[in-house]
PDB file of N, CA and C in Angstrom:
ATOM      1  N   UNK A   1       2.786 -15.396 -11.769  1.00  0.00           N
ATOM      2  CA  UNK A   1       1.508 -14.735 -11.545  1.00  0.00           C
ATOM      3  C   UNK A   1       0.408 -15.564 -12.196  1.00  0.00           C
ATOM      4  N   UNK A   2      -0.635 -15.801 -11.444  1.00  0.00           N
ATOM      5  CA  UNK A   2      -1.747 -16.591 -11.939  1.00  0.00           C
ATOM      6  C   UNK A   2      -2.505 -15.819 -13.018  1.00  0.00           C
ATOM      7  N   UNK A   3      -2.931 -16.548 -14.034  1.00  0.00           N
ATOM      8  CA  UNK A   3      -3.707 -15.927 -15.105  1.00  0.00           C
ATOM      9  C   UNK A   3      -5.120 -15.582 -14.627  1.00  0.00           C
ATOM     10  N   UNK A   4      -5.559 -16.202 -13.531  1.00  0.00           N
ATOM     11  CA  UNK A   4      -6.895 -15.974 -13.016  1.00  0.00           C
ATOM     12  C   UNK A   4      -6.953 -14.888 -11.946  1.00  0.00           C
ATOM     13  N   UNK A   5      -5.934 -14.066 -11.862  1.00  0.00           N
ATOM     14  CA  UNK A   5      -5.898 -13.015 -10.850  1.00  0.00           C
ATOM     15  C   UNK A   5      -7.109 -12.110 -11.012  1.00  0.00           C
ATOM     16  N   UNK A   6      -7.869 -11.976  -9.947  1.00  0.00           N
ATOM     17  CA  UNK A   6      -9.103 -11.215 -10.021  1.00  0.00           C
ATOM     18  C   UNK A   6      -9.110  -9.966  -9.154  1.00  0.00           C
ATOM     19  N   UNK A   7      -8.291  -9.960  -8.094  1.00  0.00           N
ATOM     20  CA  UNK A   7      -8.377  -8.889  -7.118  1.00  0.00           C
ATOM     21  C   UNK A   7      -7.000  -8.339  -6.771  1.00  0.00           C
ATOM     22  N   UNK A   8      -6.974  -7.041  -6.518  1.00  0.00           N
ATOM     23  CA  UNK A   8      -5.759  -6.374  -6.056  1.00  0.00           C
ATOM     24  C   UNK A   8      -6.114  -5.563  -4.811  1.00  0.00           C
ATOM     25  N   UNK A   9      -5.287  -5.686  -3.781  1.00  0.00           N
ATOM     26  CA  UNK A   9      -5.448  -4.893  -2.560  1.00  0.00           C
ATOM     27  C   UNK A   9      -4.330  -3.860  -2.555  1.00  0.00           C
ATOM     28  N   UNK A  10      -4.696  -2.601  -2.450  1.00  0.00           N
ATOM     29  CA  UNK A  10      -3.730  -1.504  -2.493  1.00  0.00           C
ATOM     30  C   UNK A  10      -3.632  -0.868  -1.106  1.00  0.00           C
ATOM     31  N   UNK A  11      -2.394  -0.784  -0.616  1.00  0.00           N
ATOM     32  CA  UNK A  11      -2.143  -0.198   0.703  1.00  0.00           C
ATOM     33  C   UNK A  11      -1.131   0.932   0.566  1.00  0.00           C
ATOM     34  N   UNK A  12      -1.559   2.191   0.681  1.00  0.00           N
ATOM     35  CA  UNK A  12      -0.578   3.273   0.747  1.00  0.00           C
ATOM     36  C   UNK A  12       0.027   3.302   2.151  1.00  0.00           C
ATOM     37  N   UNK A  13       1.307   3.606   2.249  1.00  0.00           N
ATOM     38  CA  UNK A  13       1.930   3.655   3.567  1.00  0.00           C
ATOM     39  C   UNK A  13       2.958   4.764   3.638  1.00  0.00           C
ATOM     40  N   UNK A  14       3.096   5.310   4.826  1.00  0.00           N
ATOM     41  CA  UNK A  14       4.104   6.344   5.064  1.00  0.00           C
ATOM     42  C   UNK A  14       4.552   6.267   6.521  1.00  0.00           C
ATOM     43  N   UNK A  15       5.770   5.775   6.733  1.00  0.00           N
ATOM     44  CA  UNK A  15       6.404   5.708   8.050  1.00  0.00           C
ATOM     45  C   UNK A  15       5.552   5.013   9.114  1.00  0.00           C
ATOM     46  N   UNK A  16       4.930   3.921   8.732  1.00  0.00           N
ATOM     47  CA  UNK A  16       4.123   3.145   9.686  1.00  0.00           C
ATOM     48  C   UNK A  16       4.458   1.663   9.586  1.00  0.00           C
ATOM     49  N   UNK A  17       5.703   1.338   9.543  1.00  0.00           N
ATOM     50  CA  UNK A  17       6.103  -0.046   9.315  1.00  0.00           C
ATOM     51  C   UNK A  17       5.551  -0.996  10.373  1.00  0.00           C
ATOM     52  N   UNK A  18       5.464  -0.561  11.625  1.00  0.00           N
ATOM     53  CA  UNK A  18       4.987  -1.454  12.689  1.00  0.00           C
ATOM     54  C   UNK A  18       3.538  -1.868  12.481  1.00  0.00           C
ATOM     55  N   UNK A  19       2.687  -0.938  12.092  1.00  0.00           N
ATOM     56  CA  UNK A  19       1.294  -1.305  11.850  1.00  0.00           C
ATOM     57  C   UNK A  19       1.112  -1.935  10.472  1.00  0.00           C
ATOM     58  N   UNK A  20       1.934  -1.537   9.508  1.00  0.00           N
ATOM     59  CA  UNK A  20       1.854  -2.110   8.171  1.00  0.00           C
ATOM     60  C   UNK A  20       2.066  -3.621   8.202  1.00  0.00           C
ATOM     61  N   UNK A  21       3.000  -4.082   9.002  1.00  0.00           N
ATOM     62  CA  UNK A  21       3.273  -5.514   9.095  1.00  0.00           C
ATOM     63  C   UNK A  21       2.027  -6.255   9.597  1.00  0.00           C
ATOM     64  N   UNK A  22       1.304  -5.669  10.526  1.00  0.00           N
ATOM     65  CA  UNK A  22       0.064  -6.281  11.022  1.00  0.00           C
ATOM     66  C   UNK A  22      -1.014  -6.293   9.940  1.00  0.00           C
ATOM     67  N   UNK A  23      -1.107  -5.206   9.198  1.00  0.00           N
ATOM     68  CA  UNK A  23      -2.051  -5.132   8.079  1.00  0.00           C
ATOM     69  C   UNK A  23      -1.728  -6.208   7.058  1.00  0.00           C
ATOM     70  N   UNK A  24      -0.474  -6.312   6.720  1.00  0.00           N
ATOM     71  CA  UNK A  24      -0.030  -7.297   5.729  1.00  0.00           C
ATOM     72  C   UNK A  24      -0.326  -8.720   6.199  1.00  0.00           C
ATOM     73  N   UNK A  25      -0.061  -9.005   7.453  1.00  0.00           N
ATOM     74  CA  UNK A  25      -0.371 -10.329   8.001  1.00  0.00           C
ATOM     75  C   UNK A  25      -1.853 -10.655   7.855  1.00  0.00           C
ATOM     76  N   UNK A  26      -2.703  -9.690   8.187  1.00  0.00           N
ATOM     77  CA  UNK A  26      -4.144  -9.945   8.100  1.00  0.00           C
ATOM     78  C   UNK A  26      -4.580 -10.177   6.657  1.00  0.00           C
ATOM     79  N   UNK A  27      -3.967  -9.498   5.728  1.00  0.00           N
ATOM     80  CA  UNK A  27      -4.331  -9.664   4.323  1.00  0.00           C
ATOM     81  C   UNK A  27      -3.793 -10.959   3.724  1.00  0.00           C
ATOM     82  N   UNK A  28      -2.724 -11.462   4.274  1.00  0.00           N
ATOM     83  CA  UNK A  28      -2.158 -12.719   3.768  1.00  0.00           C
ATOM     84  C   UNK A  28      -2.928 -13.935   4.257  1.00  0.00           C
ATOM     85  N   UNK A  29      -3.866 -13.739   5.164  1.00  0.00           N
ATOM     86  CA  UNK A  29      -4.626 -14.852   5.739  1.00  0.00           C
ATOM     87  C   UNK A  29      -6.126 -14.676   5.500  1.00  0.00           C
ATOM     88  N   UNK A  30      -6.484 -14.366   4.296  1.00  0.00           N
ATOM     89  CA  UNK A  30      -7.889 -14.212   3.941  1.00  0.00           C
ATOM     90  C   UNK A  30      -8.511 -15.580   3.631  1.00  0.00           C
ATOM     91  N   UNK A  31      -9.836 -15.645   3.662  1.00  0.00           N
ATOM     92  CA  UNK A  31     -10.541 -16.904   3.429  1.00  0.00           C
ATOM     93  C   UNK A  31     -10.677 -17.248   1.949  1.00  0.00           C
ATOM     94  N   UNK A  32     -10.292 -16.343   1.073  1.00  0.00           N
ATOM     95  CA  UNK A  32     -10.306 -16.662  -0.355  1.00  0.00           C
ATOM     96  C   UNK A  32      -8.940 -17.218  -0.751  1.00  0.00           C
ATOM     97  N   UNK A  33      -8.882 -17.857  -1.899  1.00  0.00           N
ATOM     98  CA  UNK A  33      -7.637 -18.453  -2.361  1.00  0.00           C
ATOM     99  C   UNK A  33      -6.576 -17.384  -2.595  1.00  0.00           C
ATOM    100  N   UNK A  34      -5.369 -17.586  -2.083  1.00  0.00           N
ATOM    101  CA  UNK A  34      -4.305 -16.597  -2.290  1.00  0.00           C
ATOM    102  C   UNK A  34      -3.859 -16.504  -3.757  1.00  0.00           C
ATOM    103  N   UNK A  35      -4.284 -17.429  -4.554  1.00  0.00           N
ATOM    104  CA  UNK A  35      -3.893 -17.425  -5.967  1.00  0.00           C
ATOM    105  C   UNK A  35      -4.703 -16.446  -6.804  1.00  0.00           C
ATOM    106  N   UNK A  36      -5.778 -15.891  -6.243  1.00  0.00           N
ATOM    107  CA  UNK A  36      -6.623 -15.007  -7.047  1.00  0.00           C
ATOM    108  C   UNK A  36      -6.518 -13.537  -6.643  1.00  0.00           C
ATOM    109  N   UNK A  37      -5.580 -13.236  -5.730  1.00  0.00           N
ATOM    110  CA  UNK A  37      -5.401 -11.819  -5.393  1.00  0.00           C
ATOM    111  C   UNK A  37      -3.938 -11.503  -5.122  1.00  0.00           C
ATOM    112  N   UNK A  38      -3.655 -10.230  -5.236  1.00  0.00           N
ATOM    113  CA  UNK A  38      -2.321  -9.702  -4.961  1.00  0.00           C
ATOM    114  C   UNK A  38      -2.448  -8.561  -3.972  1.00  0.00           C
ATOM    115  N   UNK A  39      -1.346  -8.256  -3.325  1.00  0.00           N
ATOM    116  CA  UNK A  39      -1.284  -7.122  -2.402  1.00  0.00           C
ATOM    117  C   UNK A  39      -0.213  -6.166  -2.915  1.00  0.00           C
ATOM    118  N   UNK A  40      -0.575  -4.911  -3.092  1.00  0.00           N
ATOM    119  CA  UNK A  40       0.370  -3.894  -3.524  1.00  0.00           C
ATOM    120  C   UNK A  40       0.613  -2.924  -2.380  1.00  0.00           C
ATOM    121  N   UNK A  41       1.852  -2.793  -1.979  1.00  0.00           N
ATOM    122  CA  UNK A  41       2.236  -1.827  -0.958  1.00  0.00           C
ATOM    123  C   UNK A  41       2.867  -0.653  -1.674  1.00  0.00           C
ATOM    124  N   UNK A  42       2.277   0.506  -1.494  1.00  0.00           N
ATOM    125  CA  UNK A  42       2.783   1.711  -2.129  1.00  0.00           C
ATOM    126  C   UNK A  42       3.404   2.576  -1.037  1.00  0.00           C
ATOM    127  N   UNK A  43       4.709   2.583  -0.996  1.00  0.00           N
ATOM    128  CA  UNK A  43       5.471   3.326   0.003  1.00  0.00           C
ATOM    129  C   UNK A  43       5.585   4.770  -0.464  1.00  0.00           C
ATOM    130  N   UNK A  44       4.939   5.648   0.271  1.00  0.00           N
ATOM    131  CA  UNK A  44       4.847   7.063  -0.091  1.00  0.00           C
ATOM    132  C   UNK A  44       6.049   7.849   0.457  1.00  0.00           C
ATOM    133  N   UNK A  45       7.248   7.355   0.137  1.00  0.00           N
ATOM    134  CA  UNK A  45       8.459   8.064   0.525  1.00  0.00           C
ATOM    135  C   UNK A  45       8.842   7.906   1.978  1.00  0.00           C
ATOM    136  N   UNK A  46       8.542   6.757   2.573  1.00  0.00           N
ATOM    137  CA  UNK A  46       8.880   6.523   3.984  1.00  0.00           C
ATOM    138  C   UNK A  46      10.372   6.686   4.237  1.00  0.00           C
ATOM    139  N   UNK A  47      10.665   7.143   5.449  1.00  0.00           N
ATOM    140  CA  UNK A  47      12.067   7.287   5.854  1.00  0.00           C
ATOM    141  C   UNK A  47      12.428   6.294   6.957  1.00  0.00           C
ATOM    142  N   UNK A  48      11.482   5.420   7.303  1.00  0.00           N
ATOM    143  CA  UNK A  48      11.778   4.366   8.278  1.00  0.00           C
ATOM    144  C   UNK A  48      12.242   3.123   7.514  1.00  0.00           C
ATOM    145  N   UNK A  49      12.198   1.978   8.109  1.00  0.00           N
ATOM    146  CA  UNK A  49      12.677   0.753   7.466  1.00  0.00           C
ATOM    147  C   UNK A  49      11.567  -0.011   6.750  1.00  0.00           C
ATOM    148  N   UNK A  50      10.621   0.687   6.187  1.00  0.00           N
ATOM    149  CA  UNK A  50       9.487   0.040   5.538  1.00  0.00           C
ATOM    150  C   UNK A  50       9.936  -0.961   4.485  1.00  0.00           C
ATOM    151  N   UNK A  51      10.803  -0.541   3.590  1.00  0.00           N
ATOM    152  CA  UNK A  51      11.199  -1.425   2.490  1.00  0.00           C
ATOM    153  C   UNK A  51      11.841  -2.716   2.996  1.00  0.00           C
ATOM    154  N   UNK A  52      12.760  -2.629   3.930  1.00  0.00           N
ATOM    155  CA  UNK A  52      13.433  -3.840   4.406  1.00  0.00           C
ATOM    156  C   UNK A  52      12.473  -4.759   5.160  1.00  0.00           C
ATOM    157  N   UNK A  53      11.549  -4.190   5.925  1.00  0.00           N
ATOM    158  CA  UNK A  53      10.566  -5.019   6.639  1.00  0.00           C
ATOM    159  C   UNK A  53       9.624  -5.713   5.668  1.00  0.00           C
ATOM    160  N   UNK A  54       9.177  -5.004   4.660  1.00  0.00           N
ATOM    161  CA  UNK A  54       8.280  -5.606   3.674  1.00  0.00           C
ATOM    162  C   UNK A  54       9.017  -6.703   2.908  1.00  0.00           C
ATOM    163  N   UNK A  55      10.239  -6.442   2.511  1.00  0.00           N
ATOM    164  CA  UNK A  55      11.030  -7.437   1.792  1.00  0.00           C
ATOM    165  C   UNK A  55      11.226  -8.684   2.639  1.00  0.00           C
ATOM    166  N   UNK A  56      11.544  -8.503   3.901  1.00  0.00           N
ATOM    167  CA  UNK A  56      11.711  -9.627   4.822  1.00  0.00           C
ATOM    168  C   UNK A  56      10.399 -10.393   4.966  1.00  0.00           C
ATOM    169  N   UNK A  57       9.321  -9.673   5.134  1.00  0.00           N
ATOM    170  CA  UNK A  57       8.010 -10.304   5.282  1.00  0.00           C
ATOM    171  C   UNK A  57       7.666 -11.125   4.042  1.00  0.00           C
ATOM    172  N   UNK A  58       7.925 -10.563   2.866  1.00  0.00           N
ATOM    173  CA  UNK A  58       7.606 -11.234   1.613  1.00  0.00           C
ATOM    174  C   UNK A  58       8.379 -12.545   1.474  1.00  0.00           C
ATOM    175  N   UNK A  59       9.574 -12.619   2.022  1.00  0.00           N
ATOM    176  CA  UNK A  59      10.375 -13.824   1.884  1.00  0.00           C
ATOM    177  C   UNK A  59       9.984 -14.914   2.875  1.00  0.00           C
ATOM    178  N   UNK A  60       9.187 -14.584   3.884  1.00  0.00           N
ATOM    179  CA  UNK A  60       8.824 -15.551   4.918  1.00  0.00           C
ATOM    180  C   UNK A  60       7.363 -15.985   4.906  1.00  0.00           C
ATOM    181  N   UNK A  61       6.557 -15.403   4.055  1.00  0.00           N
ATOM    182  CA  UNK A  61       5.130 -15.685   4.074  1.00  0.00           C
ATOM    183  C   UNK A  61       4.710 -16.351   2.777  1.00  0.00           C
ATOM    184  N   UNK A  62       3.936 -17.417   2.928  1.00  0.00           N
ATOM    185  CA  UNK A  62       3.312 -18.002   1.750  1.00  0.00           C
ATOM    186  C   UNK A  62       1.918 -17.412   1.664  1.00  0.00           C
ATOM    187  N   UNK A  63       1.436 -17.252   0.495  1.00  0.00           N
ATOM    188  CA  UNK A  63       0.120 -16.653   0.318  1.00  0.00           C
ATOM    189  C   UNK A  63       0.076 -15.893  -0.985  1.00  0.00           C
ATOM    190  N   UNK A  64      -0.659 -14.800  -1.000  1.00  0.00           N
ATOM    191  CA  UNK A  64      -0.770 -14.026  -2.239  1.00  0.00           C
ATOM    192  C   UNK A  64       0.559 -13.359  -2.585  1.00  0.00           C
ATOM    193  N   UNK A  65       0.675 -12.987  -3.822  1.00  0.00           N
ATOM    194  CA  UNK A  65       1.835 -12.223  -4.269  1.00  0.00           C
ATOM    195  C   UNK A  65       1.772 -10.843  -3.624  1.00  0.00           C
ATOM    196  N   UNK A  66       2.887 -10.406  -3.073  1.00  0.00           N
ATOM    197  CA  UNK A  66       2.985  -9.070  -2.491  1.00  0.00           C
ATOM    198  C   UNK A  66       3.998  -8.301  -3.332  1.00  0.00           C
ATOM    199  N   UNK A  67       3.557  -7.149  -3.830  1.00  0.00           N
ATOM    200  CA  UNK A  67       4.461  -6.309  -4.622  1.00  0.00           C
ATOM    201  C   UNK A  67       4.642  -4.974  -3.905  1.00  0.00           C
ATOM    202  N   UNK A  68       5.877  -4.481  -3.949  1.00  0.00           N
ATOM    203  CA  UNK A  68       6.258  -3.261  -3.242  1.00  0.00           C
ATOM    204  C   UNK A  68       6.697  -2.213  -4.261  1.00  0.00           C
ATOM    205  N   UNK A  69       6.183  -1.003  -4.089  1.00  0.00           N
ATOM    206  CA  UNK A  69       6.566   0.123  -4.939  1.00  0.00           C
ATOM    207  C   UNK A  69       6.901   1.306  -4.038  1.00  0.00           C
ATOM    208  N   UNK A  70       7.994   1.970  -4.322  1.00  0.00           N
ATOM    209  CA  UNK A  70       8.380   3.161  -3.559  1.00  0.00           C
ATOM    210  C   UNK A  70       8.222   4.380  -4.451  1.00  0.00           C
ATOM    211  N   UNK A  71       7.594   5.390  -3.898  1.00  0.00           N
ATOM    212  CA  UNK A  71       7.351   6.628  -4.640  1.00  0.00           C
ATOM    213  C   UNK A  71       7.857   7.805  -3.831  1.00  0.00           C
ATOM    214  N   UNK A  72       8.023   8.912  -4.489  1.00  0.00           N
ATOM    215  CA  UNK A  72       8.347  10.161  -3.799  1.00  0.00           C
ATOM    216  C   UNK A  72       7.125  10.575  -2.992  1.00  0.00           C
ATOM    217  N   UNK A  73       7.346  11.119  -1.802  1.00  0.00           N
ATOM    218  CA  UNK A  73       6.242  11.502  -0.918  1.00  0.00           C
ATOM    219  C   UNK A  73       5.299  12.471  -1.622  1.00  0.00           C
ATOM    220  N   UNK A  74       4.030  12.079  -1.686  1.00  0.00           N
ATOM    221  CA  UNK A  74       3.041  12.934  -2.331  1.00  0.00           C
ATOM    222  C   UNK A  74       1.661  12.803  -1.724  1.00  0.00           C
ATOM    223  N   UNK A  75       1.530  11.979  -0.686  1.00  0.00           N
ATOM    224  CA  UNK A  75       0.242  11.814  -0.032  1.00  0.00           C
ATOM    225  C   UNK A  75      -0.432  10.504  -0.395  1.00  0.00           C
ATOM    226  N   UNK A  76      -1.403  10.132   0.440  1.00  0.00           N
ATOM    227  CA  UNK A  76      -2.081   8.845   0.279  1.00  0.00           C
ATOM    228  C   UNK A  76      -2.842   8.734  -1.039  1.00  0.00           C
ATOM    229  N   UNK A  77      -3.492   9.801  -1.471  1.00  0.00           N
ATOM    230  CA  UNK A  77      -4.261   9.745  -2.718  1.00  0.00           C
ATOM    231  C   UNK A  77      -3.340   9.464  -3.904  1.00  0.00           C
ATOM    232  N   UNK A  78      -2.218  10.124  -3.937  1.00  0.00           N
ATOM    233  CA  UNK A  78      -1.252   9.898  -5.020  1.00  0.00           C
ATOM    234  C   UNK A  78      -0.735   8.452  -4.969  1.00  0.00           C
ATOM    235  N   UNK A  79      -0.489   7.944  -3.762  1.00  0.00           N
ATOM    236  CA  UNK A  79      -0.023   6.562  -3.614  1.00  0.00           C
ATOM    237  C   UNK A  79      -1.100   5.584  -4.079  1.00  0.00           C
ATOM    238  N   UNK A  80      -2.343   5.834  -3.734  1.00  0.00           N
ATOM    239  CA  UNK A  80      -3.439   4.964  -4.201  1.00  0.00           C
ATOM    240  C   UNK A  80      -3.519   4.962  -5.719  1.00  0.00           C
ATOM    241  N   UNK A  81      -3.401   6.133  -6.322  1.00  0.00           N
ATOM    242  CA  UNK A  81      -3.442   6.215  -7.783  1.00  0.00           C
ATOM    243  C   UNK A  81      -2.291   5.447  -8.420  1.00  0.00           C
ATOM    244  N   UNK A  82      -1.116   5.499  -7.819  1.00  0.00           N
ATOM    245  CA  UNK A  82       0.010   4.716  -8.320  1.00  0.00           C
ATOM    246  C   UNK A  82      -0.308   3.228  -8.218  1.00  0.00           C
ATOM    247  N   UNK A  83      -0.918   2.829  -7.107  1.00  0.00           N
ATOM    248  CA  UNK A  83      -1.323   1.436  -6.952  1.00  0.00           C
ATOM    249  C   UNK A  83      -2.288   0.997  -8.042  1.00  0.00           C
ATOM    250  N   UNK A  84      -3.217   1.863  -8.387  1.00  0.00           N
ATOM    251  CA  UNK A  84      -4.181   1.551  -9.450  1.00  0.00           C
ATOM    252  C   UNK A  84      -3.459   1.274 -10.761  1.00  0.00           C
ATOM    253  N   UNK A  85      -2.433   2.063 -11.063  1.00  0.00           N
ATOM    254  CA  UNK A  85      -1.730   1.873 -12.335  1.00  0.00           C
ATOM    255  C   UNK A  85      -0.958   0.553 -12.377  1.00  0.00           C
ATOM    256  N   UNK A  86      -0.571   0.017 -11.232  1.00  0.00           N
ATOM    257  CA  UNK A  86       0.190  -1.232 -11.186  1.00  0.00           C
ATOM    258  C   UNK A  86      -0.668  -2.463 -10.901  1.00  0.00           C
ATOM    259  N   UNK A  87      -1.918  -2.262 -10.517  1.00  0.00           N
ATOM    260  CA  UNK A  87      -2.789  -3.376 -10.147  1.00  0.00           C
ATOM    261  C   UNK A  87      -3.067  -4.275 -11.347  1.00  0.00           C
ATOM    262  N   UNK A  88      -3.072  -5.569 -11.093  1.00  0.00           N
ATOM    263  CA  UNK A  88      -3.350  -6.562 -12.129  1.00  0.00           C
ATOM    264  C   UNK A  88      -4.738  -7.178 -11.983  1.00  0.00           C
ATOM    265  N   UNK A  89      -5.384  -6.923 -10.862  1.00  0.00           N
ATOM    266  CA  UNK A  89      -6.708  -7.488 -10.632  1.00  0.00           C
ATOM    267  C   UNK A  89      -7.793  -6.709 -11.345  1.00  0.00           C
ATOM    268  N   UNK A  90      -8.936  -7.367 -11.520  1.00  0.00           N
ATOM    269  CA  UNK A  90     -10.092  -6.727 -12.146  1.00  0.00           C
ATOM    270  C   UNK A  90     -10.850  -5.841 -11.153  1.00  0.00           C
ATOM    271  N   UNK A  91     -10.819  -6.232  -9.886  1.00  0.00           N
ATOM    272  CA  UNK A  91     -11.503  -5.486  -8.840  1.00  0.00           C
ATOM    273  C   UNK A  91     -10.454  -5.057  -7.815  1.00  0.00           C
ATOM    274  N   UNK A  92     -10.527  -3.797  -7.394  1.00  0.00           N
ATOM    275  CA  UNK A  92      -9.532  -3.240  -6.481  1.00  0.00           C
ATOM    276  C   UNK A  92     -10.121  -3.058  -5.085  1.00  0.00           C
ATOM    277  N   UNK A  93      -9.322  -3.385  -4.091  1.00  0.00           N
ATOM    278  CA  UNK A  93      -9.641  -3.164  -2.687  1.00  0.00           C
ATOM    279  C   UNK A  93      -8.631  -2.153  -2.155  1.00  0.00           C
ATOM    280  N   UNK A  94      -9.066  -1.311  -1.244  1.00  0.00           N
ATOM    281  CA  UNK A  94      -8.170  -0.362  -0.607  1.00  0.00           C
ATOM    282  C   UNK A  94      -8.286  -0.499   0.903  1.00  0.00           C
ATOM    283  N   UNK A  95      -7.161  -0.453   1.571  1.00  0.00           N
ATOM    284  CA  UNK A  95      -7.145  -0.376   3.020  1.00  0.00           C
ATOM    285  C   UNK A  95      -5.947   0.464   3.419  1.00  0.00           C
ATOM    286  N   UNK A  96      -5.911   0.860   4.668  1.00  0.00           N
ATOM    287  CA  UNK A  96      -4.811   1.700   5.134  1.00  0.00           C
ATOM    288  C   UNK A  96      -3.785   0.874   5.894  1.00  0.00           C
ATOM    289  N   UNK A  97      -2.637   1.477   6.113  1.00  0.00           N
ATOM    290  CA  UNK A  97      -1.508   0.773   6.729  1.00  0.00           C
ATOM    291  C   UNK A  97      -1.651   0.576   8.229  1.00  0.00           C
ATOM    292  N   UNK A  98      -2.757   1.020   8.810  1.00  0.00           N
ATOM    293  CA  UNK A  98      -2.986   0.815  10.238  1.00  0.00           C
ATOM    294  C   UNK A  98      -4.255   0.011  10.493  1.00  0.00           C
ATOM    295  N   UNK A  99      -4.724  -0.705   9.472  1.00  0.00           N
ATOM    296  CA  UNK A  99      -5.938  -1.511   9.590  1.00  0.00           C
ATOM    297  C   UNK A  99      -5.595  -2.994   9.611  1.00  0.00           C
ATOM    298  N   UNK A 100      -6.167  -3.706  10.548  1.00  0.00           N
ATOM    299  CA  UNK A 100      -6.081  -5.158  10.575  1.00  0.00           C
ATOM    300  C   UNK A 100      -7.468  -5.645  10.188  1.00  0.00           C
ATOM    301  N   UNK A 101      -7.551  -6.250   9.009  1.00  0.00           N
ATOM    302  CA  UNK A 101      -8.856  -6.659   8.489  1.00  0.00           C
ATOM    303  C   UNK A 101      -9.185  -8.081   8.943  1.00  0.00           C
ATOM    304  N   UNK A 102     -10.478  -8.387   9.114  1.00  0.00           N
ATOM    305  CA  UNK A 102     -10.850  -9.748   9.482  1.00  0.00           C
ATOM    306  C   UNK A 102     -10.520 -10.723   8.346  1.00  0.00           C
ATOM    307  N   UNK A 103     -10.399 -11.986   8.687  1.00  0.00           N
ATOM    308  CA  UNK A 103      -9.995 -12.985   7.690  1.00  0.00           C
ATOM    309  C   UNK A 103     -11.012 -13.136   6.561  1.00  0.00           C
ATOM    310  N   UNK A 104     -12.248 -12.757   6.790  1.00  0.00           N
ATOM    311  CA  UNK A 104     -13.266 -12.869   5.736  1.00  0.00           C
ATOM    312  C   UNK A 104     -13.568 -11.519   5.069  1.00  0.00           C
ATOM    313  N   UNK A 105     -12.713 -10.538   5.272  1.00  0.00           N
ATOM    314  CA  UNK A 105     -12.939  -9.195   4.738  1.00  0.00           C
ATOM    315  C   UNK A 105     -13.157  -9.208   3.227  1.00  0.00           C
ATOM    316  N   UNK A 106     -12.233  -9.800   2.495  1.00  0.00           N
ATOM    317  CA  UNK A 106     -12.359  -9.818   1.041  1.00  0.00           C
ATOM    318  C   UNK A 106     -13.548 -10.662   0.601  1.00  0.00           C
ATOM    319  N   UNK A 107     -13.724 -11.817   1.219  1.00  0.00           N
ATOM    320  CA  UNK A 107     -14.839 -12.697   0.868  1.00  0.00           C
ATOM    321  C   UNK A 107     -16.179 -11.983   1.050  1.00  0.00           C
ATOM    322  N   UNK A 108     -16.341 -11.257   2.136  1.00  0.00           N
ATOM    323  CA  UNK A 108     -17.581 -10.526   2.395  1.00  0.00           C
ATOM    324  C   UNK A 108     -17.835  -9.459   1.336  1.00  0.00           C
ATOM    325  N   UNK A 109     -16.800  -8.718   0.993  1.00  0.00           N
ATOM    326  CA  UNK A 109     -16.956  -7.687  -0.032  1.00  0.00           C
ATOM    327  C   UNK A 109     -17.236  -8.289  -1.403  1.00  0.00           C
ATOM    328  N   UNK A 110     -16.577  -9.392  -1.715  1.00  0.00           N
ATOM    329  CA  UNK A 110     -16.805 -10.074  -2.996  1.00  0.00           C
ATOM    330  C   UNK A 110     -18.242 -10.578  -3.069  1.00  0.00           C
ATOM    331  N   UNK A 111     -18.738 -11.170  -1.978  1.00  0.00           N
ATOM    332  CA  UNK A 111     -20.116 -11.666  -1.948  1.00  0.00           C
ATOM    333  C   UNK A 111     -21.112 -10.523  -2.087  1.00  0.00           C
ATOM    334  N   UNK A 112     -20.839  -9.399  -1.436  1.00  0.00           N
ATOM    335  CA  UNK A 112     -21.716  -8.230  -1.570  1.00  0.00           C
ATOM    336  C   UNK A 112     -21.745  -7.709  -2.993  1.00  0.00           C
ATOM    337  N   UNK A 113     -20.575  -7.680  -3.628  1.00  0.00           N
ATOM    338  CA  UNK A 113     -20.504  -7.234  -5.020  1.00  0.00           C
ATOM    339  C   UNK A 113     -21.249  -8.186  -5.946  1.00  0.00           C
ATOM    340  N   UNK A 114     -21.127  -9.496  -5.695  1.00  0.00           N
ATOM    341  CA  UNK A 114     -21.824 -10.492  -6.515  1.00  0.00           C
ATOM    342  C   UNK A 114     -23.339 -10.339  -6.376  1.00  0.00           C
ATOM    343  N   UNK A 115     -23.768 -10.015  -5.181  1.00  0.00           N
ATOM    344  CA  UNK A 115     -25.207  -9.869  -4.919  1.00  0.00           C
ATOM    345  C   UNK A 115     -25.749  -8.558  -5.485  1.00  0.00           C
ATOM    346  N   UNK A 116     -24.937  -7.511  -5.430  1.00  0.00           N
ATOM    347  CA  UNK A 116     -25.373  -6.179  -5.898  1.00  0.00           C
ATOM    348  C   UNK A 116     -24.322  -5.594  -6.861  1.00  0.00           C
ATOM    349  N   UNK A 117     -24.175  -6.146  -8.053  1.00  0.00           N
ATOM    350  CA  UNK A 117     -23.105  -5.686  -8.960  1.00  0.00           C
ATOM    351  C   UNK A 117     -23.273  -4.262  -9.485  1.00  0.00           C
ATOM    352  N   UNK A 118     -24.463  -3.718  -9.382  1.00  0.00           N
ATOM    353  CA  UNK A 118     -24.683  -2.356  -9.855  1.00  0.00           C
ATOM    354  C   UNK A 118     -24.343  -1.343  -8.797  1.00  0.00           C
TER     355      UNK A 118
END
């Protein structure tokens, strides 16, 4: 893990492995350096093959560190809160398991924050 880790992306998921893989792909190809962010997948008690697909994806993709956590089903808010407790970045991003973000998504938000930090 890089000592300069600045950002964490938290994705709660529940039985949406097909769209989650697309979300993960989009997040692994951001315009910022993959060394300064991590992706946390918080599995909210899925009963599909989420864990095996994420594990397979993690072994085939170069890019940011992807960490997977499985929790007992409790809803997206509870999963997001669990992600917050495990996040290593200074700034947190949230997206859902059915979103494909543009390649400059993080860069745009970071630039907006730099321009308007308050």
